[in-house]
Amino acid sequence: MPLCAKYVFVMQLEDEMKKQNLTKEELAKRMGTSRSSLNRLLDPQQPSNLKSLVNAAVAIGRHLRVSLI
C-alpha cells in the first residue's frame, strides 16, 4: 500500500475513533487483536495487509472501498 494511501486511511480511522469516543484498547478488542498490533496499523510508516484494514473498518461500523484507477 502506498504511504499516502495508508496515511489517509489512518487519519480517517483516527477521526472516526474520536467521533465514537473509542479508545485504542476498545478498538483493538473489537478487532480481536492486541493494542500493539493496532498501534502498528495506526502507524503510516508500517505496512498493513488488506485484511487488517477491513477489520478496522468493520470494527468502527464502516466499509473499506478499494478501487483501481
N, C-alpha and C. Protein backbone atom coordinates (compact mmCIF):
# COMPACT_ATOMS: atom_id res chain seq x y z
N MET A 1 0.85 -1.17 0.00
CA MET A 1 0.00 0.00 0.00
C MET A 1 0.89 1.23 0.00
N PRO A 2 0.65 2.15 -0.92
CA PRO A 2 1.44 3.38 -0.95
C PRO A 2 1.30 4.14 0.36
N LEU A 3 2.39 4.80 0.74
CA LEU A 3 2.44 5.52 2.00
C LEU A 3 1.31 6.55 2.11
N CYS A 4 1.02 7.27 1.05
CA CYS A 4 -0.01 8.30 1.13
C CYS A 4 -1.40 7.69 1.35
N ALA A 5 -1.68 6.55 0.76
CA ALA A 5 -2.98 5.89 0.96
C ALA A 5 -3.12 5.41 2.40
N LYS A 6 -2.06 4.86 2.96
CA LYS A 6 -2.11 4.40 4.35
C LYS A 6 -2.27 5.60 5.28
N TYR A 7 -1.61 6.69 4.99
CA TYR A 7 -1.73 7.89 5.81
C TYR A 7 -3.17 8.39 5.83
N VAL A 8 -3.81 8.45 4.68
CA VAL A 8 -5.21 8.89 4.60
C VAL A 8 -6.10 7.94 5.38
N PHE A 9 -5.89 6.64 5.24
CA PHE A 9 -6.68 5.66 5.98
C PHE A 9 -6.54 5.88 7.48
N VAL A 10 -5.32 6.05 7.95
CA VAL A 10 -5.07 6.24 9.38
C VAL A 10 -5.75 7.51 9.88
N MET A 11 -5.65 8.59 9.12
CA MET A 11 -6.29 9.84 9.54
C MET A 11 -7.81 9.67 9.63
N GLN A 12 -8.40 8.99 8.67
CA GLN A 12 -9.84 8.76 8.68
C GLN A 12 -10.24 7.85 9.84
N LEU A 13 -9.45 6.83 10.10
CA LEU A 13 -9.74 5.91 11.20
C LEU A 13 -9.64 6.63 12.54
N GLU A 14 -8.60 7.42 12.73
CA GLU A 14 -8.45 8.15 13.98
C GLU A 14 -9.57 9.18 14.17
N ASP A 15 -9.99 9.82 13.09
CA ASP A 15 -11.10 10.77 13.16
C ASP A 15 -12.39 10.07 13.59
N GLU A 16 -12.64 8.91 13.02
CA GLU A 16 -13.84 8.15 13.38
C GLU A 16 -13.76 7.65 14.82
N MET A 17 -12.57 7.28 15.27
CA MET A 17 -12.40 6.86 16.65
C MET A 17 -12.76 8.01 17.60
N LYS A 18 -12.34 9.21 17.26
CA LYS A 18 -12.67 10.39 18.08
C LYS A 18 -14.18 10.64 18.09
N LYS A 19 -14.80 10.55 16.92
CA LYS A 19 -16.25 10.77 16.83
C LYS A 19 -17.02 9.78 17.69
N GLN A 20 -16.54 8.55 17.76
CA GLN A 20 -17.21 7.50 18.52
C GLN A 20 -16.67 7.37 19.94
N ASN A 21 -15.75 8.23 20.32
CA ASN A 21 -15.10 8.16 21.63
C ASN A 21 -14.54 6.77 21.91
N LEU A 22 -13.88 6.21 20.91
CA LEU A 22 -13.28 4.88 21.02
C LEU A 22 -11.82 4.99 21.43
N THR A 23 -11.44 4.25 22.42
CA THR A 23 -10.03 4.18 22.80
C THR A 23 -9.35 3.13 21.91
N LYS A 24 -8.03 3.17 21.92
CA LYS A 24 -7.28 2.15 21.19
C LYS A 24 -7.56 0.77 21.76
N GLU A 25 -7.70 0.70 23.06
CA GLU A 25 -7.98 -0.59 23.70
C GLU A 25 -9.31 -1.16 23.22
N GLU A 26 -10.33 -0.30 23.17
CA GLU A 26 -11.66 -0.76 22.75
C GLU A 26 -11.65 -1.17 21.27
N LEU A 27 -10.99 -0.38 20.44
CA LEU A 27 -10.93 -0.73 19.02
C LEU A 27 -10.18 -2.05 18.83
N ALA A 28 -9.07 -2.22 19.53
CA ALA A 28 -8.31 -3.48 19.43
C ALA A 28 -9.19 -4.66 19.86
N LYS A 29 -9.96 -4.47 20.91
CA LYS A 29 -10.86 -5.53 21.38
C LYS A 29 -11.91 -5.86 20.32
N ARG A 30 -12.49 -4.83 19.71
CA ARG A 30 -13.48 -5.05 18.65
C ARG A 30 -12.88 -5.78 17.46
N MET A 31 -11.62 -5.50 17.19
CA MET A 31 -10.94 -6.12 16.06
C MET A 31 -10.43 -7.52 16.40
N GLY A 32 -10.42 -7.87 17.67
CA GLY A 32 -9.89 -9.17 18.08
C GLY A 32 -8.39 -9.23 17.95
N THR A 33 -7.72 -8.12 18.27
CA THR A 33 -6.27 -8.04 18.14
C THR A 33 -5.69 -7.37 19.37
N SER A 34 -4.39 -7.24 19.42
CA SER A 34 -3.73 -6.59 20.55
C SER A 34 -3.57 -5.10 20.28
N ARG A 35 -3.33 -4.37 21.35
CA ARG A 35 -3.11 -2.94 21.20
C ARG A 35 -1.83 -2.68 20.42
N SER A 36 -0.82 -3.49 20.60
CA SER A 36 0.43 -3.29 19.85
C SER A 36 0.21 -3.50 18.35
N SER A 37 -0.65 -4.46 18.00
CA SER A 37 -0.98 -4.66 16.57
C SER A 37 -1.74 -3.45 16.03
N LEU A 38 -2.65 -2.92 16.84
CA LEU A 38 -3.39 -1.73 16.42
C LEU A 38 -2.45 -0.54 16.27
N ASN A 39 -1.49 -0.41 17.17
CA ASN A 39 -0.52 0.68 17.05
C ASN A 39 0.26 0.59 15.74
N ARG A 40 0.61 -0.62 15.33
CA ARG A 40 1.30 -0.79 14.03
C ARG A 40 0.37 -0.39 12.88
N LEU A 41 -0.91 -0.76 13.00
CA LEU A 41 -1.87 -0.39 11.97
C LEU A 41 -2.02 1.13 11.88
N LEU A 42 -1.96 1.80 13.02
CA LEU A 42 -2.13 3.25 13.06
C LEU A 42 -0.86 4.02 12.71
N ASP A 43 0.21 3.31 12.43
CA ASP A 43 1.47 3.94 12.03
C ASP A 43 1.57 3.91 10.50
N PRO A 44 1.45 5.08 9.87
CA PRO A 44 1.50 5.10 8.39
C PRO A 44 2.80 4.56 7.81
N GLN A 45 3.87 4.54 8.60
CA GLN A 45 5.16 4.04 8.12
C GLN A 45 5.23 2.51 8.10
N GLN A 46 4.34 1.86 8.84
CA GLN A 46 4.35 0.40 8.94
C GLN A 46 3.43 -0.21 7.87
N PRO A 47 3.86 -1.28 7.23
CA PRO A 47 2.99 -1.93 6.24
C PRO A 47 1.80 -2.60 6.92
N SER A 48 0.69 -2.65 6.22
CA SER A 48 -0.51 -3.32 6.71
C SER A 48 -1.12 -4.13 5.58
N ASN A 49 -1.75 -5.24 5.96
CA ASN A 49 -2.41 -6.02 4.93
C ASN A 49 -3.88 -5.60 4.81
N LEU A 50 -4.49 -5.96 3.73
CA LEU A 50 -5.86 -5.56 3.45
C LEU A 50 -6.82 -6.09 4.50
N LYS A 51 -6.59 -7.29 4.99
CA LYS A 51 -7.46 -7.88 6.00
C LYS A 51 -7.50 -7.02 7.26
N SER A 52 -6.36 -6.51 7.69
CA SER A 52 -6.31 -5.65 8.87
C SER A 52 -7.08 -4.35 8.65
N LEU A 53 -6.95 -3.79 7.47
CA LEU A 53 -7.68 -2.56 7.16
C LEU A 53 -9.19 -2.80 7.16
N VAL A 54 -9.61 -3.90 6.58
CA VAL A 54 -11.03 -4.26 6.57
C VAL A 54 -11.52 -4.49 7.99
N ASN A 55 -10.76 -5.21 8.80
CA ASN A 55 -11.16 -5.47 10.18
C ASN A 55 -11.33 -4.17 10.96
N ALA A 56 -10.45 -3.22 10.75
CA ALA A 56 -10.55 -1.93 11.43
C ALA A 56 -11.81 -1.18 10.98
N ALA A 57 -12.07 -1.18 9.68
CA ALA A 57 -13.26 -0.50 9.16
C ALA A 57 -14.54 -1.12 9.73
N VAL A 58 -14.61 -2.43 9.74
CA VAL A 58 -15.78 -3.13 10.27
C VAL A 58 -15.94 -2.84 11.75
N ALA A 59 -14.85 -2.77 12.48
CA ALA A 59 -14.89 -2.54 13.93
C ALA A 59 -15.47 -1.18 14.28
N ILE A 60 -15.36 -0.22 13.36
CA ILE A 60 -15.95 1.10 13.62
C ILE A 60 -17.27 1.29 12.87
N GLY A 61 -17.76 0.21 12.27
CA GLY A 61 -19.05 0.27 11.59
C GLY A 61 -19.01 0.91 10.22
N ARG A 62 -17.88 0.84 9.57
CA ARG A 62 -17.72 1.43 8.24
C ARG A 62 -17.30 0.36 7.25
N HIS A 63 -17.24 0.74 5.98
CA HIS A 63 -16.80 -0.15 4.92
C HIS A 63 -15.52 0.41 4.33
N LEU A 64 -14.70 -0.48 3.82
CA LEU A 64 -13.48 -0.08 3.14
C LEU A 64 -13.69 -0.23 1.66
N ARG A 65 -13.41 0.82 0.90
CA ARG A 65 -13.56 0.76 -0.55
C ARG A 65 -12.18 0.82 -1.18
N VAL A 66 -11.92 -0.13 -2.05
CA VAL A 66 -10.65 -0.20 -2.78
C VAL A 66 -11.00 -0.16 -4.25
N SER A 67 -10.27 0.65 -5.00
CA SER A 67 -10.57 0.73 -6.43
C SER A 67 -9.29 0.83 -7.24
N LEU A 68 -9.38 0.44 -8.47
CA LEU A 68 -8.29 0.59 -9.41
C LEU A 68 -8.53 1.87 -10.20
N ILE A 69 -7.48 2.63 -10.38
CA ILE A 69 -7.62 3.86 -11.17
C ILE A 69 -6.63 3.86 -12.30
